Amino acid sequence: MGVATVEEYARAVQTLFPQGEYWDTQFGDPESDANLFCQAKGAELMRFKERMGALQSESVIETTHELIADWERVLLGHGTSGLELEQRRALLTENRDVRPTRVELQKIAAGYGLSLTDITFPYKPAFLGFSRFNQRICGPIGFSVLLFVVQQSEPPEEQLIRDFEQEITALMLANHIIYIKYEGA
């Protein structure tokens, strides 16, 4: 059973304060700063709880309404405010998975005269022996690193390399950190 009212949230916040005679006196006075603080935080927690439910439905294309323009900006690169809501959702659903496959990335590299030979996540967590909870071998950022290994037969122009790297980076998710290792000539 979850907390349901502002008063229950305020009481929960109140339990976070130290115990003792001073605090009993503070919370005994409905107009004390400590009591007013807890009431304000209770109301804010209630508002936050209500907003989280709305945001949960906004996180799915099929039920988004308020944030559909943001979905369009991210997935389409432009807004479609002239269309009906269901048409906008259908267009977003068609463009949902925009991440390229390995084959598509290899085709892009080939277009620049390069050969994409490998894509790996260089950080592989391993826990052996006396592993402990809540301790990581690397931070969460380590799980967003991608290493691209590219073969080149002859040294390409610097502008060509910059264009290739820009195109690959633009296709990846925003949280991916891209490293490109060039091998060959």
C-alpha atoms as a PDB file:
ATOM      1  CA  MET A   1       0.000   0.000   0.000  1.00  0.00           C
ATOM      2  CA  GLY A   2       1.490   3.353  -1.072  1.00  0.00           C
ATOM      3  CA  VAL A   3       1.305   6.735   0.572  1.00  0.00           C
ATOM      4  CA  ALA A   4      -1.858   8.403  -0.677  1.00  0.00           C
ATOM      5  CA  THR A   5      -2.323  11.846   0.908  1.00  0.00           C
ATOM      6  CA  VAL A   6      -0.368  15.052   1.445  1.00  0.00           C
ATOM      7  CA  GLU A   7      -0.635  14.535   5.208  1.00  0.00           C
ATOM      8  CA  GLU A   8       0.866  11.062   4.987  1.00  0.00           C
ATOM      9  CA  TYR A   9       3.739  12.392   2.894  1.00  0.00           C
ATOM     10  CA  ALA A  10       4.248  15.233   5.412  1.00  0.00           C
ATOM     11  CA  ARG A  11       4.380  12.706   8.272  1.00  0.00           C
ATOM     12  CA  ALA A  12       6.886  10.622   6.314  1.00  0.00           C
ATOM     13  CA  VAL A  13       9.113  13.692   5.821  1.00  0.00           C
ATOM     14  CA  GLN A  14       8.724  14.505   9.526  1.00  0.00           C
ATOM     15  CA  THR A  15      10.157  11.097  10.461  1.00  0.00           C
ATOM     16  CA  LEU A  16      13.404  12.097   8.742  1.00  0.00           C
ATOM     17  CA  PHE A  17      14.031  14.800  11.347  1.00  0.00           C
ATOM     18  CA  PRO A  18      15.993  14.036  14.524  1.00  0.00           C
ATOM     19  CA  GLN A  19      14.079  12.942  17.605  1.00  0.00           C
ATOM     20  CA  GLY A  20      13.992  14.898  20.826  1.00  0.00           C
ATOM     21  CA  GLU A  21      12.120  17.456  22.866  1.00  0.00           C
ATOM     22  CA  TYR A  22      13.014  20.374  20.587  1.00  0.00           C
ATOM     23  CA  TRP A  23      11.583  18.667  17.520  1.00  0.00           C
ATOM     24  CA  ASP A  24       8.492  17.466  19.411  1.00  0.00           C
ATOM     25  CA  THR A  25       7.814  21.118  20.294  1.00  0.00           C
ATOM     26  CA  GLN A  26       8.383  22.204  16.689  1.00  0.00           C
ATOM     27  CA  PHE A  27       6.016  19.609  15.274  1.00  0.00           C
ATOM     28  CA  GLY A  28       3.463  20.284  18.010  1.00  0.00           C
ATOM     29  CA  ASP A  29       3.029  23.834  16.660  1.00  0.00           C
ATOM     30  CA  PRO A  30       1.145  23.765  13.325  1.00  0.00           C
ATOM     31  CA  GLU A  31       2.659  27.166  12.374  1.00  0.00           C
ATOM     32  CA  SER A  32       6.332  26.307  13.101  1.00  0.00           C
ATOM     33  CA  ASP A  33       8.846  26.451  10.265  1.00  0.00           C
ATOM     34  CA  ALA A  34       9.578  22.736  10.594  1.00  0.00           C
ATOM     35  CA  ASN A  35       5.896  21.832  10.383  1.00  0.00           C
ATOM     36  CA  LEU A  36       5.279  24.180   7.435  1.00  0.00           C
ATOM     37  CA  PHE A  37       8.361  22.745   5.709  1.00  0.00           C
ATOM     38  CA  CYS A  38       7.030  19.191   6.079  1.00  0.00           C
ATOM     39  CA  GLN A  39       3.595  20.229   4.772  1.00  0.00           C
ATOM     40  CA  ALA A  40       5.181  21.926   1.749  1.00  0.00           C
ATOM     41  CA  LYS A  41       7.374  18.893   1.033  1.00  0.00           C
ATOM     42  CA  GLY A  42       4.360  16.595   1.437  1.00  0.00           C
ATOM     43  CA  ALA A  43       2.437  18.603  -1.154  1.00  0.00           C
ATOM     44  CA  GLU A  44       5.433  18.597  -3.496  1.00  0.00           C
ATOM     45  CA  LEU A  45       5.879  14.824  -3.155  1.00  0.00           C
ATOM     46  CA  MET A  46       2.188  14.323  -3.916  1.00  0.00           C
ATOM     47  CA  ARG A  47       2.484  16.540  -7.015  1.00  0.00           C
ATOM     48  CA  PHE A  48       5.592  14.605  -8.075  1.00  0.00           C
ATOM     49  CA  LYS A  49       3.787  11.262  -7.650  1.00  0.00           C
ATOM     50  CA  GLU A  50       0.891  12.451  -9.793  1.00  0.00           C
ATOM     51  CA  ARG A  51       3.224  13.819 -12.464  1.00  0.00           C
ATOM     52  CA  MET A  52       5.177  10.552 -12.630  1.00  0.00           C
ATOM     53  CA  GLY A  53       2.033   8.704 -13.711  1.00  0.00           C
ATOM     54  CA  ALA A  54       1.481  11.200 -16.509  1.00  0.00           C
ATOM     55  CA  LEU A  55       5.111  11.015 -17.608  1.00  0.00           C
ATOM     56  CA  GLN A  56       4.949   7.241 -17.687  1.00  0.00           C
ATOM     57  CA  SER A  57       2.208   7.401 -20.311  1.00  0.00           C
ATOM     58  CA  GLU A  58       4.220  10.054 -22.196  1.00  0.00           C
ATOM     59  CA  SER A  59       7.172   7.655 -22.389  1.00  0.00           C
ATOM     60  CA  VAL A  60       5.300   5.414 -24.819  1.00  0.00           C
ATOM     61  CA  ILE A  61       4.592   6.528 -28.394  1.00  0.00           C
ATOM     62  CA  GLU A  62       1.144   4.919 -28.406  1.00  0.00           C
ATOM     63  CA  THR A  63      -0.051   7.004 -25.427  1.00  0.00           C
ATOM     64  CA  THR A  64       1.986  10.202 -25.710  1.00  0.00           C
ATOM     65  CA  HIS A  65       0.125  13.450 -26.088  1.00  0.00           C
ATOM     66  CA  GLU A  66       1.846  16.273 -24.246  1.00  0.00           C
ATOM     67  CA  LEU A  67       5.392  15.366 -25.330  1.00  0.00           C
ATOM     68  CA  ILE A  68       4.697  14.212 -28.882  1.00  0.00           C
ATOM     69  CA  ALA A  69       6.595  17.200 -30.314  1.00  0.00           C
ATOM     70  CA  ASP A  70       9.689  16.036 -28.403  1.00  0.00           C
ATOM     71  CA  TRP A  71       9.281  12.504 -29.765  1.00  0.00           C
ATOM     72  CA  GLU A  72       9.087  13.961 -33.283  1.00  0.00           C
ATOM     73  CA  ARG A  73      12.139  16.143 -32.734  1.00  0.00           C
ATOM     74  CA  VAL A  74      14.211  13.151 -31.605  1.00  0.00           C
ATOM     75  CA  LEU A  75      12.978  10.463 -34.004  1.00  0.00           C
ATOM     76  CA  LEU A  76      12.071  12.499 -37.074  1.00  0.00           C
ATOM     77  CA  GLY A  77      14.180  15.622 -36.757  1.00  0.00           C
ATOM     78  CA  HIS A  78      11.133  17.826 -37.371  1.00  0.00           C
ATOM     79  CA  GLY A  79       7.592  18.385 -36.120  1.00  0.00           C
ATOM     80  CA  THR A  80       4.385  17.274 -37.806  1.00  0.00           C
ATOM     81  CA  SER A  81       1.909  19.458 -35.946  1.00  0.00           C
ATOM     82  CA  GLY A  82      -0.354  19.714 -39.009  1.00  0.00           C
ATOM     83  CA  LEU A  83      -1.340  16.035 -38.730  1.00  0.00           C
ATOM     84  CA  GLU A  84      -3.885  14.436 -36.419  1.00  0.00           C
ATOM     85  CA  LEU A  85      -2.553  12.919 -33.182  1.00  0.00           C
ATOM     86  CA  GLU A  86      -3.043   9.313 -34.365  1.00  0.00           C
ATOM     87  CA  GLN A  87      -1.274  10.056 -37.661  1.00  0.00           C
ATOM     88  CA  ARG A  88       1.638  11.590 -35.760  1.00  0.00           C
ATOM     89  CA  ARG A  89       1.850   8.524 -33.516  1.00  0.00           C
ATOM     90  CA  ALA A  90       1.747   6.193 -36.551  1.00  0.00           C
ATOM     91  CA  LEU A  91       4.570   8.131 -38.212  1.00  0.00           C
ATOM     92  CA  LEU A  92       6.632   7.919 -35.023  1.00  0.00           C
ATOM     93  CA  THR A  93       5.984   4.183 -34.710  1.00  0.00           C
ATOM     94  CA  GLU A  94       7.276   3.650 -38.263  1.00  0.00           C
ATOM     95  CA  ASN A  95      10.495   5.508 -37.376  1.00  0.00           C
ATOM     96  CA  ARG A  96      10.955   4.127 -33.871  1.00  0.00           C
ATOM     97  CA  ASP A  97      14.019   1.963 -34.392  1.00  0.00           C
ATOM     98  CA  VAL A  98      16.422   4.292 -36.144  1.00  0.00           C
ATOM     99  CA  ARG A  99      19.615   2.684 -34.842  1.00  0.00           C
ATOM    100  CA  PRO A 100      21.629   1.238 -37.702  1.00  0.00           C
ATOM    101  CA  THR A 101      22.511  -2.424 -37.955  1.00  0.00           C
ATOM    102  CA  ARG A 102      26.076  -3.654 -38.344  1.00  0.00           C
ATOM    103  CA  VAL A 103      25.460  -4.241 -42.076  1.00  0.00           C
ATOM    104  CA  GLU A 104      24.199  -0.668 -42.540  1.00  0.00           C
ATOM    105  CA  LEU A 105      27.254   0.692 -40.708  1.00  0.00           C
ATOM    106  CA  GLN A 106      29.535  -1.413 -42.918  1.00  0.00           C
ATOM    107  CA  LYS A 107      27.813   0.030 -46.014  1.00  0.00           C
ATOM    108  CA  ILE A 108      28.385   3.561 -44.721  1.00  0.00           C
ATOM    109  CA  ALA A 109      32.083   2.808 -44.156  1.00  0.00           C
ATOM    110  CA  ALA A 110      32.351   1.298 -47.637  1.00  0.00           C
ATOM    111  CA  GLY A 111      30.928   4.522 -49.056  1.00  0.00           C
ATOM    112  CA  TYR A 112      33.973   6.298 -47.625  1.00  0.00           C
ATOM    113  CA  GLY A 113      36.393   3.664 -48.950  1.00  0.00           C
ATOM    114  CA  LEU A 114      36.790   2.094 -45.499  1.00  0.00           C
ATOM    115  CA  SER A 115      36.066  -1.360 -44.141  1.00  0.00           C
ATOM    116  CA  LEU A 116      34.330  -1.616 -40.760  1.00  0.00           C
ATOM    117  CA  THR A 117      35.663  -4.893 -39.375  1.00  0.00           C
ATOM    118  CA  ASP A 118      34.483  -4.871 -35.768  1.00  0.00           C
ATOM    119  CA  ILE A 119      32.144  -3.114 -33.335  1.00  0.00           C
ATOM    120  CA  THR A 120      32.646  -3.990 -29.683  1.00  0.00           C
ATOM    121  CA  PHE A 121      31.827  -2.863 -26.191  1.00  0.00           C
ATOM    122  CA  PRO A 122      35.376  -2.742 -24.792  1.00  0.00           C
ATOM    123  CA  TYR A 123      34.306  -2.827 -21.138  1.00  0.00           C
ATOM    124  CA  LYS A 124      33.089  -6.251 -20.125  1.00  0.00           C
ATOM    125  CA  PRO A 125      32.147  -6.476 -16.455  1.00  0.00           C
ATOM    126  CA  ALA A 126      33.205  -9.663 -14.738  1.00  0.00           C
ATOM    127  CA  PHE A 127      32.701 -10.593 -11.122  1.00  0.00           C
ATOM    128  CA  LEU A 128      34.635 -13.469  -9.643  1.00  0.00           C
ATOM    129  CA  GLY A 129      35.176 -14.845  -6.189  1.00  0.00           C
ATOM    130  CA  PHE A 130      34.107 -12.519  -3.418  1.00  0.00           C
ATOM    131  CA  SER A 131      32.026 -10.039  -5.416  1.00  0.00           C
ATOM    132  CA  ARG A 132      30.193  -7.381  -3.473  1.00  0.00           C
ATOM    133  CA  PHE A 133      26.912  -5.707  -4.233  1.00  0.00           C
ATOM    134  CA  ASN A 134      26.910  -1.973  -4.921  1.00  0.00           C
ATOM    135  CA  GLN A 135      30.527  -1.916  -6.132  1.00  0.00           C
ATOM    136  CA  ARG A 136      31.299  -1.558  -9.816  1.00  0.00           C
ATOM    137  CA  ILE A 137      34.478  -2.232 -11.731  1.00  0.00           C
ATOM    138  CA  CYS A 138      33.709   0.827 -13.856  1.00  0.00           C
ATOM    139  CA  GLY A 139      31.105   3.544 -13.806  1.00  0.00           C
ATOM    140  CA  PRO A 140      27.850   3.437 -15.759  1.00  0.00           C
ATOM    141  CA  ILE A 141      29.517   5.446 -18.512  1.00  0.00           C
ATOM    142  CA  GLY A 142      31.688   2.418 -19.296  1.00  0.00           C
ATOM    143  CA  PHE A 143      28.638   0.547 -20.530  1.00  0.00           C
ATOM    144  CA  SER A 144      27.990   3.176 -23.207  1.00  0.00           C
ATOM    145  CA  VAL A 145      31.363   2.974 -24.944  1.00  0.00           C
ATOM    146  CA  LEU A 146      31.504   1.548 -28.471  1.00  0.00           C
ATOM    147  CA  LEU A 147      34.765   0.741 -30.243  1.00  0.00           C
ATOM    148  CA  PHE A 148      34.696   0.685 -34.039  1.00  0.00           C
ATOM    149  CA  VAL A 149      37.646  -0.978 -35.774  1.00  0.00           C
ATOM    150  CA  VAL A 150      38.098   0.337 -39.308  1.00  0.00           C
ATOM    151  CA  GLN A 151      40.482  -1.035 -41.935  1.00  0.00           C
ATOM    152  CA  GLN A 152      41.857   1.345 -44.532  1.00  0.00           C
ATOM    153  CA  SER A 153      43.865   0.318 -47.565  1.00  0.00           C
ATOM    154  CA  GLU A 154      45.319   3.765 -48.180  1.00  0.00           C
ATOM    155  CA  PRO A 155      45.452   6.882 -46.012  1.00  0.00           C
ATOM    156  CA  PRO A 156      42.191   8.736 -46.695  1.00  0.00           C
ATOM    157  CA  GLU A 157      41.826  12.502 -46.652  1.00  0.00           C
ATOM    158  CA  GLU A 158      41.295  14.132 -43.258  1.00  0.00           C
ATOM    159  CA  GLN A 159      37.994  15.648 -44.403  1.00  0.00           C
ATOM    160  CA  LEU A 160      36.771  12.212 -45.489  1.00  0.00           C
ATOM    161  CA  ILE A 161      37.593  10.785 -42.054  1.00  0.00           C
ATOM    162  CA  ARG A 162      35.816  13.698 -40.317  1.00  0.00           C
ATOM    163  CA  ASP A 163      32.731  13.209 -42.491  1.00  0.00           C
ATOM    164  CA  PHE A 164      32.701   9.462 -41.809  1.00  0.00           C
ATOM    165  CA  GLU A 165      33.072   9.947 -38.053  1.00  0.00           C
ATOM    166  CA  GLN A 166      30.366  12.617 -38.019  1.00  0.00           C
ATOM    167  CA  GLU A 167      27.922  10.384 -39.909  1.00  0.00           C
ATOM    168  CA  ILE A 168      28.569   7.380 -37.644  1.00  0.00           C
ATOM    169  CA  THR A 169      28.266   9.477 -34.467  1.00  0.00           C
ATOM    170  CA  ALA A 170      24.994  11.040 -35.648  1.00  0.00           C
ATOM    171  CA  LEU A 171      23.458   7.573 -36.082  1.00  0.00           C
ATOM    172  CA  MET A 172      24.314   6.326 -32.585  1.00  0.00           C
ATOM    173  CA  LEU A 173      22.285   6.897 -29.435  1.00  0.00           C
ATOM    174  CA  ALA A 174      23.009  10.086 -27.514  1.00  0.00           C
ATOM    175  CA  ASN A 175      24.544   8.191 -24.579  1.00  0.00           C
ATOM    176  CA  HIS A 176      27.024   6.246 -26.719  1.00  0.00           C
ATOM    177  CA  ILE A 177      30.654   7.288 -26.573  1.00  0.00           C
ATOM    178  CA  ILE A 178      32.224   6.375 -29.888  1.00  0.00           C
ATOM    179  CA  TYR A 179      35.888   5.449 -30.362  1.00  0.00           C
ATOM    180  CA  ILE A 180      37.157   4.620 -33.833  1.00  0.00           C
ATOM    181  CA  LYS A 181      40.420   2.705 -34.238  1.00  0.00           C
ATOM    182  CA  TYR A 182      41.960   2.858 -37.685  1.00  0.00           C
ATOM    183  CA  GLU A 183      44.147   0.005 -38.850  1.00  0.00           C
ATOM    184  CA  GLY A 184      46.019  -0.516 -42.076  1.00  0.00           C
ATOM    185  CA  ALA A 185      47.705   2.101 -44.213  1.00  0.00           C
END
